[in-house]
Amino acid sequence: MRVRINGKERELPEGTTLLHLLKERGIDPRVVVVEYNYEILPRDRYGEITLRAGDNLEIVQMTAGG
């Protein structure tokens, strides 16, 4: 299935959860904000969201610095 992640089309296996996608990409779910189909998700829902064809994700990583 095809989804859009940060503006780029990606092919993912059916049944992929948001949490699995983050972990597979080496992203710590505690340090990102995810917008799923134009809605900011609370972190405790990442494991509940099963991605579907056509979904749109924006994943923003927090960074420290100044």
C-alpha atoms as a PDB file:
ATOM      1  CA  MET A   1       0.000   0.000   0.000  1.00  0.00           C
ATOM      2  CA  ARG A   2       1.134   3.551  -0.676  1.00  0.00           C
ATOM      3  CA  VAL A   3       1.179   6.267   1.992  1.00  0.00           C
ATOM      4  CA  ARG A   4       2.668   9.752   2.039  1.00  0.00           C
ATOM      5  CA  ILE A   5       5.330  10.362   4.704  1.00  0.00           C
ATOM      6  CA  ASN A   6       6.680  13.904   5.038  1.00  0.00           C
ATOM      7  CA  GLY A   7       5.571  14.677   1.511  1.00  0.00           C
ATOM      8  CA  LYS A   8       7.019  11.563  -0.170  1.00  0.00           C
ATOM      9  CA  GLU A   9       5.114   8.528  -1.404  1.00  0.00           C
ATOM     10  CA  ARG A  10       6.233   5.290   0.270  1.00  0.00           C
ATOM     11  CA  GLU A  11       5.253   1.658  -0.199  1.00  0.00           C
ATOM     12  CA  LEU A  12       4.462  -0.186   3.057  1.00  0.00           C
ATOM     13  CA  PRO A  13       3.172  -3.672   3.815  1.00  0.00           C
ATOM     14  CA  GLU A  14      -0.514  -4.013   4.650  1.00  0.00           C
ATOM     15  CA  GLY A  15      -1.202  -4.011   8.393  1.00  0.00           C
ATOM     16  CA  THR A  16       1.730  -1.727   9.314  1.00  0.00           C
ATOM     17  CA  THR A  17       1.069   0.190  12.516  1.00  0.00           C
ATOM     18  CA  LEU A  18       2.389   3.661  13.111  1.00  0.00           C
ATOM     19  CA  LEU A  19       4.483   2.425  16.041  1.00  0.00           C
ATOM     20  CA  HIS A  20       6.004  -0.345  13.891  1.00  0.00           C
ATOM     21  CA  LEU A  21       6.830   2.172  11.144  1.00  0.00           C
ATOM     22  CA  LEU A  22       8.627   4.443  13.617  1.00  0.00           C
ATOM     23  CA  LYS A  23      10.613   1.608  15.190  1.00  0.00           C
ATOM     24  CA  GLU A  24      11.492   0.136  11.779  1.00  0.00           C
ATOM     25  CA  ARG A  25      12.957   3.501  10.772  1.00  0.00           C
ATOM     26  CA  GLY A  26      14.922   3.780  14.024  1.00  0.00           C
ATOM     27  CA  ILE A  27      12.792   6.639  15.337  1.00  0.00           C
ATOM     28  CA  ASP A  28      12.205   6.837  19.084  1.00  0.00           C
ATOM     29  CA  PRO A  29       8.444   7.432  19.451  1.00  0.00           C
ATOM     30  CA  ARG A  30       9.082   9.484  22.609  1.00  0.00           C
ATOM     31  CA  VAL A  31      10.841  12.251  20.685  1.00  0.00           C
ATOM     32  CA  VAL A  32       8.530  12.781  17.709  1.00  0.00           C
ATOM     33  CA  VAL A  33       5.234  14.424  16.985  1.00  0.00           C
ATOM     34  CA  VAL A  34       3.113  12.685  14.374  1.00  0.00           C
ATOM     35  CA  GLU A  35       0.391  14.312  12.318  1.00  0.00           C
ATOM     36  CA  TYR A  36      -1.827  11.552  10.921  1.00  0.00           C
ATOM     37  CA  ASN A  37      -4.229  12.662   8.200  1.00  0.00           C
ATOM     38  CA  TYR A  38      -3.927  16.269   9.429  1.00  0.00           C
ATOM     39  CA  GLU A  39      -4.535  15.429  13.116  1.00  0.00           C
ATOM     40  CA  ILE A  40      -1.827  15.490  15.796  1.00  0.00           C
ATOM     41  CA  LEU A  41      -1.845  12.123  17.578  1.00  0.00           C
ATOM     42  CA  PRO A  42      -1.118  11.528  21.257  1.00  0.00           C
ATOM     43  CA  ARG A  43       1.865   9.173  21.648  1.00  0.00           C
ATOM     44  CA  ASP A  44      -0.200   6.560  23.476  1.00  0.00           C
ATOM     45  CA  ARG A  45      -2.191   5.985  20.259  1.00  0.00           C
ATOM     46  CA  TYR A  46       0.793   5.193  17.985  1.00  0.00           C
ATOM     47  CA  GLY A  47       0.365   1.438  18.506  1.00  0.00           C
ATOM     48  CA  GLU A  48      -3.392   1.604  17.803  1.00  0.00           C
ATOM     49  CA  ILE A  49      -3.124   3.216  14.377  1.00  0.00           C
ATOM     50  CA  THR A  50      -2.965   0.752  11.482  1.00  0.00           C
ATOM     51  CA  LEU A  51      -1.940   2.616   8.357  1.00  0.00           C
ATOM     52  CA  ARG A  52      -4.086   2.440   5.226  1.00  0.00           C
ATOM     53  CA  ALA A  53      -3.465   3.230   1.588  1.00  0.00           C
ATOM     54  CA  GLY A  54      -3.672   6.967   0.981  1.00  0.00           C
ATOM     55  CA  ASP A  55      -2.838   7.994   4.549  1.00  0.00           C
ATOM     56  CA  ASN A  56      -0.789  11.138   5.043  1.00  0.00           C
ATOM     57  CA  LEU A  57       1.851  11.343   7.799  1.00  0.00           C
ATOM     58  CA  GLU A  58       4.085  14.174   8.924  1.00  0.00           C
ATOM     59  CA  ILE A  59       6.733  13.009  11.397  1.00  0.00           C
ATOM     60  CA  VAL A  60       8.649  15.745  13.212  1.00  0.00           C
ATOM     61  CA  GLN A  61      11.586  14.866  15.453  1.00  0.00           C
ATOM     62  CA  MET A  62      12.374  17.001  18.475  1.00  0.00           C
ATOM     63  CA  THR A  63      15.918  18.263  18.710  1.00  0.00           C
ATOM     64  CA  ALA A  64      17.682  20.051  21.516  1.00  0.00           C
ATOM     65  CA  GLY A  65      19.886  23.008  20.929  1.00  0.00           C
ATOM     66  CA  GLY A  66      19.869  26.695  20.661  1.00  0.00           C
END
